[in-house]
PDB file of all heavy atoms in Angstrom:
ATOM      1  N   ARG A   1      -8.863   2.788   3.311  1.00  0.00           N
ATOM      2  CA  ARG A   1      -9.205   2.154   2.064  1.00  0.00           C
ATOM      3  C   ARG A   1      -9.047   3.148   0.860  1.00  0.00           C
ATOM      4  O   ARG A   1      -8.416   2.849  -0.136  1.00  0.00           O
ATOM      5  CB  ARG A   1     -10.593   1.597   2.108  1.00  0.00           C
ATOM      6  CG  ARG A   1     -11.248   1.220   0.785  1.00  0.00           C
ATOM      7  CD  ARG A   1     -10.560   0.040   0.094  1.00  0.00           C
ATOM      8  NE  ARG A   1     -10.846  -1.239   0.739  1.00  0.00           N
ATOM      9  CZ  ARG A   1     -10.318  -2.359   0.358  1.00  0.00           C
ATOM     10  NH1 ARG A   1      -9.442  -2.399  -0.579  1.00  0.00           N
ATOM     11  NH2 ARG A   1     -10.664  -3.494   0.999  1.00  0.00           N
ATOM     12  N   THR A   2      -9.627   4.338   1.026  1.00  0.00           N
ATOM     13  CA  THR A   2      -9.578   5.316  -0.047  1.00  0.00           C
ATOM     14  C   THR A   2      -8.180   5.682  -0.447  1.00  0.00           C
ATOM     15  O   THR A   2      -7.819   5.668  -1.624  1.00  0.00           O
ATOM     16  CB  THR A   2     -10.311   6.599   0.406  1.00  0.00           C
ATOM     17  OG1 THR A   2     -11.685   6.264   0.612  1.00  0.00           O
ATOM     18  CG2 THR A   2     -10.232   7.673  -0.649  1.00  0.00           C
ATOM     19  N   HIS A   3      -7.313   5.949   0.553  1.00  0.00           N
ATOM     20  CA  HIS A   3      -5.968   6.497   0.209  1.00  0.00           C
ATOM     21  C   HIS A   3      -5.005   5.387  -0.171  1.00  0.00           C
ATOM     22  O   HIS A   3      -4.087   5.611  -0.990  1.00  0.00           O
ATOM     23  CB  HIS A   3      -5.453   7.339   1.388  1.00  0.00           C
ATOM     24  CG  HIS A   3      -6.287   8.580   1.580  1.00  0.00           C
ATOM     25  ND1 HIS A   3      -6.209   9.651   0.707  1.00  0.00           N
ATOM     26  CD2 HIS A   3      -7.208   8.890   2.516  1.00  0.00           C
ATOM     27  CE1 HIS A   3      -7.057  10.591   1.127  1.00  0.00           C
ATOM     28  NE2 HIS A   3      -7.672  10.164   2.197  1.00  0.00           N
ATOM     29  N   LEU A   4      -5.175   4.162   0.331  1.00  0.00           N
ATOM     30  CA  LEU A   4      -4.345   3.050  -0.095  1.00  0.00           C
ATOM     31  C   LEU A   4      -4.772   2.614  -1.522  1.00  0.00           C
ATOM     32  O   LEU A   4      -3.919   2.213  -2.335  1.00  0.00           O
ATOM     33  CB  LEU A   4      -4.406   1.875   0.840  1.00  0.00           C
ATOM     34  CG  LEU A   4      -3.534   2.020   2.129  1.00  0.00           C
ATOM     35  CD1 LEU A   4      -3.761   0.819   3.011  1.00  0.00           C
ATOM     36  CD2 LEU A   4      -2.090   2.171   1.736  1.00  0.00           C
ATOM     37  N   ASP A   5      -6.044   2.692  -1.835  1.00  0.00           N
ATOM     38  CA  ASP A   5      -6.475   2.393  -3.174  1.00  0.00           C
ATOM     39  C   ASP A   5      -5.919   3.378  -4.191  1.00  0.00           C
ATOM     40  O   ASP A   5      -5.690   3.034  -5.372  1.00  0.00           O
ATOM     41  CB  ASP A   5      -8.029   2.398  -3.307  1.00  0.00           C
ATOM     42  CG  ASP A   5      -8.663   1.092  -2.767  1.00  0.00           C
ATOM     43  OD1 ASP A   5      -7.879   0.138  -2.423  1.00  0.00           O
ATOM     44  OD2 ASP A   5      -9.886   1.046  -2.665  1.00  0.00           O
ATOM     45  N   ARG A   6      -5.702   4.643  -3.771  1.00  0.00           N
ATOM     46  CA  ARG A   6      -5.182   5.626  -4.668  1.00  0.00           C
ATOM     47  C   ARG A   6      -3.661   5.471  -4.893  1.00  0.00           C
ATOM     48  O   ARG A   6      -3.073   6.136  -5.788  1.00  0.00           O
ATOM     49  CB  ARG A   6      -5.454   7.036  -4.118  1.00  0.00           C
ATOM     50  CG  ARG A   6      -6.891   7.500  -4.345  1.00  0.00           C
ATOM     51  CD  ARG A   6      -6.998   8.969  -4.019  1.00  0.00           C
ATOM     52  NE  ARG A   6      -8.395   9.377  -3.963  1.00  0.00           N
ATOM     53  CZ  ARG A   6      -8.889  10.235  -3.067  1.00  0.00           C
ATOM     54  NH1 ARG A   6      -8.054  10.851  -2.205  1.00  0.00           N
ATOM     55  NH2 ARG A   6     -10.138  10.552  -3.098  1.00  0.00           N
ATOM     56  N   CYS A   7      -3.015   4.658  -4.086  1.00  0.00           N
ATOM     57  CA  CYS A   7      -1.572   4.453  -4.261  1.00  0.00           C
ATOM     58  C   CYS A   7      -1.312   3.614  -5.488  1.00  0.00           C
ATOM     59  O   CYS A   7      -1.885   2.525  -5.690  1.00  0.00           O
ATOM     60  CB  CYS A   7      -1.000   3.767  -3.019  1.00  0.00           C
ATOM     61  SG  CYS A   7       0.714   3.337  -3.169  1.00  0.00           S
ATOM     62  N   LEU A   8      -0.371   4.035  -6.326  1.00  0.00           N
ATOM     63  CA  LEU A   8      -0.003   3.331  -7.561  1.00  0.00           C
ATOM     64  C   LEU A   8       0.895   2.164  -7.292  1.00  0.00           C
ATOM     65  O   LEU A   8       1.095   1.306  -8.183  1.00  0.00           O
ATOM     66  CB  LEU A   8       0.704   4.296  -8.507  1.00  0.00           C
ATOM     67  CG  LEU A   8      -0.111   5.477  -9.055  1.00  0.00           C
ATOM     68  CD1 LEU A   8       0.744   6.714  -9.113  1.00  0.00           C
ATOM     69  CD2 LEU A   8      -0.679   5.147 -10.402  1.00  0.00           C
ATOM     70  N   THR A   9       1.497   2.134  -6.115  1.00  0.00           N
ATOM     71  CA  THR A   9       2.572   1.152  -5.835  1.00  0.00           C
ATOM     72  C   THR A   9       3.718   1.260  -6.827  1.00  0.00           C
ATOM     73  O   THR A   9       4.308   0.311  -7.247  1.00  0.00           O
ATOM     74  CB  THR A   9       2.065  -0.308  -5.789  1.00  0.00           C
ATOM     75  OG1 THR A   9       0.762  -0.362  -5.156  1.00  0.00           O
ATOM     76  CG2 THR A   9       2.983  -1.175  -4.939  1.00  0.00           C
ATOM     77  N   CYS A  10       3.976   2.522  -7.220  1.00  0.00           N
ATOM     78  CA  CYS A  10       5.087   2.738  -8.198  1.00  0.00           C
ATOM     79  C   CYS A  10       6.443   2.623  -7.532  1.00  0.00           C
ATOM     80  O   CYS A  10       7.437   2.370  -8.183  1.00  0.00           O
ATOM     81  CB  CYS A  10       4.925   4.123  -8.798  1.00  0.00           C
ATOM     82  SG  CYS A  10       5.207   5.516  -7.682  1.00  0.00           S
ATOM     83  N   ARG A  11       6.486   2.782  -6.181  1.00  0.00           N
ATOM     84  CA  ARG A  11       7.702   2.646  -5.416  1.00  0.00           C
ATOM     85  C   ARG A  11       8.778   3.679  -5.692  1.00  0.00           C
ATOM     86  O   ARG A  11       9.942   3.480  -5.343  1.00  0.00           O
ATOM     87  CB  ARG A  11       8.224   1.212  -5.528  1.00  0.00           C
ATOM     88  CG  ARG A  11       7.256   0.177  -4.936  1.00  0.00           C
ATOM     89  CD  ARG A  11       7.619  -1.259  -5.294  1.00  0.00           C
ATOM     90  NE  ARG A  11       8.879  -1.666  -4.696  1.00  0.00           N
ATOM     91  CZ  ARG A  11       9.356  -2.910  -4.825  1.00  0.00           C
ATOM     92  NH1 ARG A  11       8.691  -3.810  -5.478  1.00  0.00           N
ATOM     93  NH2 ARG A  11      10.506  -3.197  -4.279  1.00  0.00           N
ATOM     94  N   ALA A  12       8.365   4.790  -6.299  1.00  0.00           N
ATOM     95  CA  ALA A  12       9.318   5.913  -6.441  1.00  0.00           C
ATOM     96  C   ALA A  12       9.816   6.371  -5.070  1.00  0.00           C
ATOM     97  O   ALA A  12      10.931   6.843  -4.924  1.00  0.00           O
ATOM     98  CB  ALA A  12       8.679   7.043  -7.210  1.00  0.00           C
ATOM     99  N   CYS A  13       8.946   6.251  -4.105  1.00  0.00           N
ATOM    100  CA  CYS A  13       9.333   6.668  -2.705  1.00  0.00           C
ATOM    101  C   CYS A  13      10.517   5.828  -2.235  1.00  0.00           C
ATOM    102  O   CYS A  13      11.332   6.321  -1.475  1.00  0.00           O
ATOM    103  CB  CYS A  13       8.128   6.521  -1.783  1.00  0.00           C
ATOM    104  SG  CYS A  13       7.328   4.950  -1.807  1.00  0.00           S
ATOM    105  N   GLU A  14      10.539   4.573  -2.606  1.00  0.00           N
ATOM    106  CA  GLU A  14      11.651   3.682  -2.135  1.00  0.00           C
ATOM    107  C   GLU A  14      13.021   4.104  -2.672  1.00  0.00           C
ATOM    108  O   GLU A  14      13.998   4.064  -1.978  1.00  0.00           O
ATOM    109  CB  GLU A  14      11.351   2.234  -2.553  1.00  0.00           C
ATOM    110  CG  GLU A  14      10.231   1.616  -1.769  1.00  0.00           C
ATOM    111  CD  GLU A  14      10.151   0.091  -1.995  1.00  0.00           C
ATOM    112  OE1 GLU A  14      11.104  -0.452  -2.546  1.00  0.00           O
ATOM    113  OE2 GLU A  14       9.111  -0.465  -1.639  1.00  0.00           O
ATOM    114  N   THR A  15      13.044   4.549  -3.948  1.00  0.00           N
ATOM    115  CA  THR A  15      14.326   4.957  -4.537  1.00  0.00           C
ATOM    116  C   THR A  15      14.729   6.386  -4.073  1.00  0.00           C
ATOM    117  O   THR A  15      15.803   6.852  -4.353  1.00  0.00           O
ATOM    118  CB  THR A  15      14.313   4.860  -6.057  1.00  0.00           C
ATOM    119  OG1 THR A  15      13.143   5.530  -6.534  1.00  0.00           O
ATOM    120  CG2 THR A  15      14.262   3.434  -6.492  1.00  0.00           C
ATOM    121  N   THR A  16      13.818   7.066  -3.381  1.00  0.00           N
ATOM    122  CA  THR A  16      14.044   8.396  -2.864  1.00  0.00           C
ATOM    123  C   THR A  16      14.396   8.356  -1.355  1.00  0.00           C
ATOM    124  O   THR A  16      15.197   9.135  -0.890  1.00  0.00           O
ATOM    125  CB  THR A  16      12.824   9.298  -3.007  1.00  0.00           C
ATOM    126  OG1 THR A  16      12.469   9.343  -4.406  1.00  0.00           O
ATOM    127  CG2 THR A  16      13.050  10.694  -2.528  1.00  0.00           C
ATOM    128  N   CYS A  17      13.832   7.424  -0.648  1.00  0.00           N
ATOM    129  CA  CYS A  17      13.930   7.422   0.821  1.00  0.00           C
ATOM    130  C   CYS A  17      15.359   7.217   1.334  1.00  0.00           C
ATOM    131  O   CYS A  17      16.056   6.232   0.984  1.00  0.00           O
ATOM    132  CB  CYS A  17      13.047   6.257   1.376  1.00  0.00           C
ATOM    133  SG  CYS A  17      13.119   6.091   3.187  1.00  0.00           S
ATOM    134  N   PRO A  18      15.867   8.134   2.136  1.00  0.00           N
ATOM    135  CA  PRO A  18      17.227   8.020   2.647  1.00  0.00           C
ATOM    136  C   PRO A  18      17.369   6.963   3.768  1.00  0.00           C
ATOM    137  O   PRO A  18      18.476   6.559   4.109  1.00  0.00           O
ATOM    138  CB  PRO A  18      17.530   9.436   3.235  1.00  0.00           C
ATOM    139  CG  PRO A  18      16.176   9.937   3.621  1.00  0.00           C
ATOM    140  CD  PRO A  18      15.202   9.411   2.594  1.00  0.00           C
ATOM    141  N   SER A  19      16.234   6.510   4.294  1.00  0.00           N
ATOM    142  CA  SER A  19      16.261   5.509   5.365  1.00  0.00           C
ATOM    143  C   SER A  19      16.011   4.087   4.885  1.00  0.00           C
ATOM    144  O   SER A  19      15.995   3.154   5.699  1.00  0.00           O
ATOM    145  CB  SER A  19      15.214   5.896   6.417  1.00  0.00           C
ATOM    146  OG  SER A  19      15.500   7.156   6.946  1.00  0.00           O
ATOM    147  N   GLY A  20      15.704   3.908   3.580  1.00  0.00           N
ATOM    148  CA  GLY A  20      15.498   2.623   3.039  1.00  0.00           C
ATOM    149  C   GLY A  20      14.159   1.983   3.490  1.00  0.00           C
ATOM    150  O   GLY A  20      14.094   0.741   3.593  1.00  0.00           O
ATOM    151  N   VAL A  21      13.131   2.758   3.693  1.00  0.00           N
ATOM    152  CA  VAL A  21      11.850   2.206   4.067  1.00  0.00           C
ATOM    153  C   VAL A  21      11.290   1.340   2.973  1.00  0.00           C
ATOM    154  O   VAL A  21      11.205   1.784   1.810  1.00  0.00           O
ATOM    155  CB  VAL A  21      10.860   3.359   4.417  1.00  0.00           C
ATOM    156  CG1 VAL A  21       9.472   2.759   4.715  1.00  0.00           C
ATOM    157  CG2 VAL A  21      11.319   4.167   5.584  1.00  0.00           C
ATOM    158  N   ARG A  22      10.912   0.107   3.264  1.00  0.00           N
ATOM    159  CA  ARG A  22      10.311  -0.816   2.276  1.00  0.00           C
ATOM    160  C   ARG A  22       8.839  -0.562   2.150  1.00  0.00           C
ATOM    161  O   ARG A  22       8.034  -1.300   2.595  1.00  0.00           O
ATOM    162  CB  ARG A  22      10.623  -2.274   2.687  1.00  0.00           C
ATOM    163  CG  ARG A  22      12.097  -2.603   2.727  1.00  0.00           C
ATOM    164  CD  ARG A  22      12.742  -2.620   1.345  1.00  0.00           C
ATOM    165  NE  ARG A  22      12.071  -3.612   0.509  1.00  0.00           N
ATOM    166  CZ  ARG A  22      12.528  -4.864   0.381  1.00  0.00           C
ATOM    167  NH1 ARG A  22      13.547  -5.305   1.095  1.00  0.00           N
ATOM    168  NH2 ARG A  22      11.892  -5.740  -0.380  1.00  0.00           N
ATOM    169  N   TYR A  23       8.519   0.568   1.543  1.00  0.00           N
ATOM    170  CA  TYR A  23       7.100   0.990   1.461  1.00  0.00           C
ATOM    171  C   TYR A  23       6.242  -0.025   0.717  1.00  0.00           C
ATOM    172  O   TYR A  23       5.122  -0.302   1.101  1.00  0.00           O
ATOM    173  CB  TYR A  23       7.001   2.351   0.776  1.00  0.00           C
ATOM    174  CG  TYR A  23       5.563   2.747   0.558  1.00  0.00           C
ATOM    175  CD1 TYR A  23       4.812   3.298   1.542  1.00  0.00           C
ATOM    176  CD2 TYR A  23       4.933   2.511  -0.685  1.00  0.00           C
ATOM    177  CE1 TYR A  23       3.471   3.643   1.371  1.00  0.00           C
ATOM    178  CE2 TYR A  23       3.618   2.814  -0.896  1.00  0.00           C
ATOM    179  CZ  TYR A  23       2.884   3.368   0.121  1.00  0.00           C
ATOM    180  OH  TYR A  23       1.578   3.699  -0.044  1.00  0.00           O
ATOM    181  N   GLY A  24       6.736  -0.557  -0.413  1.00  0.00           N
ATOM    182  CA  GLY A  24       5.932  -1.500  -1.160  1.00  0.00           C
ATOM    183  C   GLY A  24       5.520  -2.704  -0.351  1.00  0.00           C
ATOM    184  O   GLY A  24       4.384  -3.160  -0.445  1.00  0.00           O
ATOM    185  N   GLU A  25       6.438  -3.217   0.451  1.00  0.00           N
ATOM    186  CA  GLU A  25       6.122  -4.393   1.288  1.00  0.00           C
ATOM    187  C   GLU A  25       5.145  -3.968   2.386  1.00  0.00           C
ATOM    188  O   GLU A  25       4.184  -4.763   2.696  1.00  0.00           O
ATOM    189  CB  GLU A  25       7.423  -4.892   1.897  1.00  0.00           C
ATOM    190  CG  GLU A  25       7.288  -6.197   2.601  1.00  0.00           C
ATOM    191  CD  GLU A  25       8.600  -6.752   3.160  1.00  0.00           C
ATOM    192  OE1 GLU A  25       9.672  -6.215   2.724  1.00  0.00           O
ATOM    193  OE2 GLU A  25       8.571  -7.647   3.999  1.00  0.00           O
ATOM    194  N   LEU A  26       5.283  -2.768   2.915  1.00  0.00           N
ATOM    195  CA  LEU A  26       4.337  -2.323   3.946  1.00  0.00           C
ATOM    196  C   LEU A  26       2.974  -2.102   3.347  1.00  0.00           C
ATOM    197  O   LEU A  26       1.944  -2.434   4.001  1.00  0.00           O
ATOM    198  CB  LEU A  26       4.848  -0.999   4.564  1.00  0.00           C
ATOM    199  CG  LEU A  26       4.079  -0.478   5.729  1.00  0.00           C
ATOM    200  CD1 LEU A  26       4.138  -1.382   6.915  1.00  0.00           C
ATOM    201  CD2 LEU A  26       4.629   0.938   6.134  1.00  0.00           C
ATOM    202  N   ALA A  27       2.895  -1.592   2.111  1.00  0.00           N
ATOM    203  CA  ALA A  27       1.584  -1.434   1.436  1.00  0.00           C
ATOM    204  C   ALA A  27       0.903  -2.756   1.256  1.00  0.00           C
ATOM    205  O   ALA A  27      -0.339  -2.892   1.366  1.00  0.00           O
ATOM    206  CB  ALA A  27       1.769  -0.681   0.142  1.00  0.00           C
ATOM    207  N   GLU A  28       1.688  -3.802   0.891  1.00  0.00           N
ATOM    208  CA  GLU A  28       1.110  -5.156   0.788  1.00  0.00           C
ATOM    209  C   GLU A  28       0.424  -5.551   2.092  1.00  0.00           C
ATOM    210  O   GLU A  28      -0.699  -6.048   2.069  1.00  0.00           O
ATOM    211  CB  GLU A  28       2.175  -6.177   0.447  1.00  0.00           C
ATOM    212  CG  GLU A  28       2.767  -6.072  -0.957  1.00  0.00           C
ATOM    213  CD  GLU A  28       3.969  -6.973  -1.140  1.00  0.00           C
ATOM    214  OE1 GLU A  28       4.221  -7.810  -0.254  1.00  0.00           O
ATOM    215  OE2 GLU A  28       4.683  -6.809  -2.127  1.00  0.00           O
ATOM    216  N   ILE A  29       1.113  -5.350   3.198  1.00  0.00           N
ATOM    217  CA  ILE A  29       0.539  -5.696   4.500  1.00  0.00           C
ATOM    218  C   ILE A  29      -0.696  -4.875   4.821  1.00  0.00           C
ATOM    219  O   ILE A  29      -1.709  -5.439   5.227  1.00  0.00           O
ATOM    220  CB  ILE A  29       1.609  -5.532   5.620  1.00  0.00           C
ATOM    221  CG1 ILE A  29       2.775  -6.493   5.425  1.00  0.00           C
ATOM    222  CG2 ILE A  29       0.983  -5.671   7.014  1.00  0.00           C
ATOM    223  CD1 ILE A  29       3.977  -6.232   6.292  1.00  0.00           C
ATOM    224  N   GLY A  30      -0.654  -3.573   4.571  1.00  0.00           N
ATOM    225  CA  GLY A  30      -1.790  -2.739   4.807  1.00  0.00           C
ATOM    226  C   GLY A  30      -3.012  -3.154   3.993  1.00  0.00           C
ATOM    227  O   GLY A  30      -4.154  -3.212   4.486  1.00  0.00           O
ATOM    228  N   ARG A  31      -2.782  -3.473   2.718  1.00  0.00           N
ATOM    229  CA  ARG A  31      -3.918  -3.916   1.872  1.00  0.00           C
ATOM    230  C   ARG A  31      -4.426  -5.274   2.291  1.00  0.00           C
ATOM    231  O   ARG A  31      -5.653  -5.518   2.184  1.00  0.00           O
ATOM    232  CB  ARG A  31      -3.455  -3.930   0.425  1.00  0.00           C
ATOM    233  CG  ARG A  31      -3.301  -2.499  -0.153  1.00  0.00           C
ATOM    234  CD  ARG A  31      -2.587  -2.501  -1.454  1.00  0.00           C
ATOM    235  NE  ARG A  31      -2.712  -1.188  -2.110  1.00  0.00           N
ATOM    236  CZ  ARG A  31      -1.765  -0.711  -2.941  1.00  0.00           C
ATOM    237  NH1 ARG A  31      -0.757  -1.470  -3.305  1.00  0.00           N
ATOM    238  NH2 ARG A  31      -1.941   0.497  -3.509  1.00  0.00           N
ATOM    239  N   GLU A  32      -3.556  -6.128   2.729  1.00  0.00           N
ATOM    240  CA  GLU A  32      -4.020  -7.460   3.200  1.00  0.00           C
ATOM    241  C   GLU A  32      -4.899  -7.279   4.439  1.00  0.00           C
ATOM    242  O   GLU A  32      -5.967  -7.931   4.542  1.00  0.00           O
ATOM    243  CB  GLU A  32      -2.786  -8.308   3.537  1.00  0.00           C
ATOM    244  CG  GLU A  32      -3.167  -9.733   3.977  1.00  0.00           C
ATOM    245  CD  GLU A  32      -1.909 -10.541   4.331  1.00  0.00           C
ATOM    246  OE1 GLU A  32      -0.917  -9.962   4.633  1.00  0.00           O
ATOM    247  OE2 GLU A  32      -2.019 -11.786   4.275  1.00  0.00           O
ATOM    248  N   VAL A  33      -4.496  -6.424   5.356  1.00  0.00           N
ATOM    249  CA  VAL A  33      -5.314  -6.185   6.588  1.00  0.00           C
ATOM    250  C   VAL A  33      -6.650  -5.591   6.170  1.00  0.00           C
ATOM    251  O   VAL A  33      -7.697  -6.000   6.677  1.00  0.00           O
ATOM    252  CB  VAL A  33      -4.553  -5.267   7.547  1.00  0.00           C
ATOM    253  CG1 VAL A  33      -5.479  -4.825   8.703  1.00  0.00           C
ATOM    254  CG2 VAL A  33      -3.304  -5.955   8.088  1.00  0.00           C
ATOM    255  N   LEU A  34      -6.650  -4.616   5.273  1.00  0.00           N
ATOM    256  CA  LEU A  34      -7.918  -3.985   4.820  1.00  0.00           C
ATOM    257  C   LEU A  34      -8.834  -5.055   4.204  1.00  0.00           C
ATOM    258  O   LEU A  34     -10.015  -5.061   4.455  1.00  0.00           O
ATOM    259  CB  LEU A  34      -7.578  -2.918   3.781  1.00  0.00           C
ATOM    260  CG  LEU A  34      -7.301  -1.519   4.327  1.00  0.00           C
ATOM    261  CD1 LEU A  34      -6.884  -0.614   3.142  1.00  0.00           C
ATOM    262  CD2 LEU A  34      -8.503  -0.898   5.028  1.00  0.00           C
ATOM    263  N   GLU A  35      -8.290  -5.933   3.356  1.00  0.00           N
ATOM    264  CA  GLU A  35      -9.116  -6.851   2.652  1.00  0.00           C
ATOM    265  C   GLU A  35      -9.664  -7.894   3.629  1.00  0.00           C
ATOM    266  O   GLU A  35     -10.789  -8.402   3.419  1.00  0.00           O
ATOM    267  CB  GLU A  35      -8.272  -7.523   1.521  1.00  0.00           C
ATOM    268  CG  GLU A  35      -9.125  -8.274   0.517  1.00  0.00           C
ATOM    269  CD  GLU A  35     -10.056  -7.346  -0.266  1.00  0.00           C
ATOM    270  OE1 GLU A  35      -9.837  -6.100  -0.314  1.00  0.00           O
ATOM    271  OE2 GLU A  35     -11.031  -7.860  -0.799  1.00  0.00           O
ATOM    272  N   GLU A  36      -8.927  -8.253   4.648  1.00  0.00           N
ATOM    273  CA  GLU A  36      -9.422  -9.172   5.652  1.00  0.00           C
ATOM    274  C   GLU A  36     -10.573  -8.569   6.482  1.00  0.00           C
ATOM    275  O   GLU A  36     -11.576  -9.224   6.737  1.00  0.00           O
ATOM    276  CB  GLU A  36      -8.303  -9.580   6.619  1.00  0.00           C
ATOM    277  CG  GLU A  36      -7.269 -10.495   5.990  1.00  0.00           C
ATOM    278  CD  GLU A  36      -6.081 -10.764   6.905  1.00  0.00           C
ATOM    279  OE1 GLU A  36      -6.053 -10.144   8.026  1.00  0.00           O
ATOM    280  OE2 GLU A  36      -5.212 -11.568   6.531  1.00  0.00           O
ATOM    281  N   GLN A  37     -10.423  -7.300   6.822  1.00  0.00           N
ATOM    282  CA  GLN A  37     -11.375  -6.686   7.741  1.00  0.00           C
ATOM    283  C   GLN A  37     -12.512  -5.904   7.024  1.00  0.00           C
ATOM    284  O   GLN A  37     -13.585  -5.743   7.541  1.00  0.00           O
ATOM    285  CB  GLN A  37     -10.652  -5.723   8.672  1.00  0.00           C
ATOM    286  CG  GLN A  37      -9.639  -6.427   9.602  1.00  0.00           C
ATOM    287  CD  GLN A  37      -9.024  -5.496  10.585  1.00  0.00           C
ATOM    288  OE1 GLN A  37      -9.508  -4.389  10.788  1.00  0.00           O
ATOM    289  NE2 GLN A  37      -7.977  -5.922  11.267  1.00  0.00           N
ATOM    290  N   ARG A  38     -12.192  -5.375   5.857  1.00  0.00           N
ATOM    291  CA  ARG A  38     -13.134  -4.529   5.120  1.00  0.00           C
ATOM    292  C   ARG A  38     -13.033  -4.886   3.663  1.00  0.00           C
ATOM    293  O   ARG A  38     -12.533  -4.086   2.876  1.00  0.00           O
ATOM    294  CB  ARG A  38     -12.852  -3.077   5.406  1.00  0.00           C
ATOM    295  CG  ARG A  38     -13.947  -2.135   4.983  1.00  0.00           C
ATOM    296  CD  ARG A  38     -13.493  -0.658   5.221  1.00  0.00           C
ATOM    297  NE  ARG A  38     -14.516   0.281   4.898  1.00  0.00           N
ATOM    298  CZ  ARG A  38     -15.340   0.803   5.809  1.00  0.00           C
ATOM    299  NH1 ARG A  38     -15.231   0.475   7.097  1.00  0.00           N
ATOM    300  NH2 ARG A  38     -16.285   1.640   5.462  1.00  0.00           N
ATOM    301  N   PRO A  39     -13.475  -6.077   3.220  1.00  0.00           N
ATOM    302  CA  PRO A  39     -13.305  -6.519   1.831  1.00  0.00           C
ATOM    303  C   PRO A  39     -13.875  -5.517   0.823  1.00  0.00           C
ATOM    304  O   PRO A  39     -14.947  -4.955   1.079  1.00  0.00           O
ATOM    305  CB  PRO A  39     -14.060  -7.872   1.806  1.00  0.00           C
ATOM    306  CG  PRO A  39     -14.089  -8.310   3.214  1.00  0.00           C
ATOM    307  CD  PRO A  39     -14.203  -7.052   4.038  1.00  0.00           C
ATOM    308  N   SER A  40     -13.162  -5.321  -0.242  1.00  0.00           N
ATOM    309  CA  SER A  40     -13.626  -4.445  -1.293  1.00  0.00           C
ATOM    310  C   SER A  40     -14.923  -4.983  -1.940  1.00  0.00           C
ATOM    311  O   SER A  40     -14.992  -6.168  -2.208  1.00  0.00           O
ATOM    312  CB  SER A  40     -12.549  -4.247  -2.368  1.00  0.00           C
ATOM    313  OG  SER A  40     -13.083  -3.498  -3.465  1.00  0.00           O
ATOM    314  N   ARG A  41     -15.872  -4.099  -2.210  1.00  0.00           N
ATOM    315  CA  ARG A  41     -17.083  -4.485  -2.892  1.00  0.00           C
ATOM    316  C   ARG A  41     -17.122  -3.848  -4.293  1.00  0.00           C
ATOM    317  O   ARG A  41     -18.185  -3.825  -4.925  1.00  0.00           O
ATOM    318  CB  ARG A  41     -18.310  -4.091  -2.082  1.00  0.00           C
ATOM    319  CG  ARG A  41     -18.424  -4.814  -0.764  1.00  0.00           C
ATOM    320  CD  ARG A  41     -19.789  -4.627  -0.133  1.00  0.00           C
ATOM    321  NE  ARG A  41     -19.908  -5.408   1.069  1.00  0.00           N
ATOM    322  CZ  ARG A  41     -19.997  -4.882   2.292  1.00  0.00           C
ATOM    323  NH1 ARG A  41     -20.006  -3.549   2.448  1.00  0.00           N
ATOM    324  NH2 ARG A  41     -20.115  -5.639   3.364  1.00  0.00           N
ATOM    325  N   ASN A  42     -16.001  -3.319  -4.764  1.00  0.00           N
ATOM    326  CA  ASN A  42     -15.924  -2.732  -6.052  1.00  0.00           C
ATOM    327  C   ASN A  42     -16.135  -3.809  -7.126  1.00  0.00           C
ATOM    328  O   ASN A  42     -15.317  -4.719  -7.257  1.00  0.00           O
ATOM    329  CB  ASN A  42     -14.578  -2.050  -6.244  1.00  0.00           C
ATOM    330  CG  ASN A  42     -14.462  -1.276  -7.551  1.00  0.00           C
ATOM    331  OD1 ASN A  42     -14.524  -1.901  -8.637  1.00  0.00           O
ATOM    332  ND2 ASN A  42     -14.243   0.003  -7.466  1.00  0.00           N
ATOM    333  N   LEU A  43     -17.222  -3.720  -7.896  1.00  0.00           N
ATOM    334  CA  LEU A  43     -17.562  -4.720  -8.858  1.00  0.00           C
ATOM    335  C   LEU A  43     -16.503  -4.904  -9.928  1.00  0.00           C
ATOM    336  O   LEU A  43     -16.132  -6.036 -10.284  1.00  0.00           O
ATOM    337  CB  LEU A  43     -18.913  -4.421  -9.487  1.00  0.00           C
ATOM    338  CG  LEU A  43     -19.419  -5.442 -10.553  1.00  0.00           C
ATOM    339  CD1 LEU A  43     -19.570  -6.825  -9.919  1.00  0.00           C
ATOM    340  CD2 LEU A  43     -20.753  -5.003 -11.118  1.00  0.00           C
TER     341      LEU A  43
END
């Protein structure tokens, strides 16, 4: 939760990655799983 919350989702990694990893899409999935299992209580 801490380190995914710190991600800007700027996707600079995507335009750098030589393997074409779809990091932004993967981050969406990771955040969805986190929110389902450990919902944010940040007011």
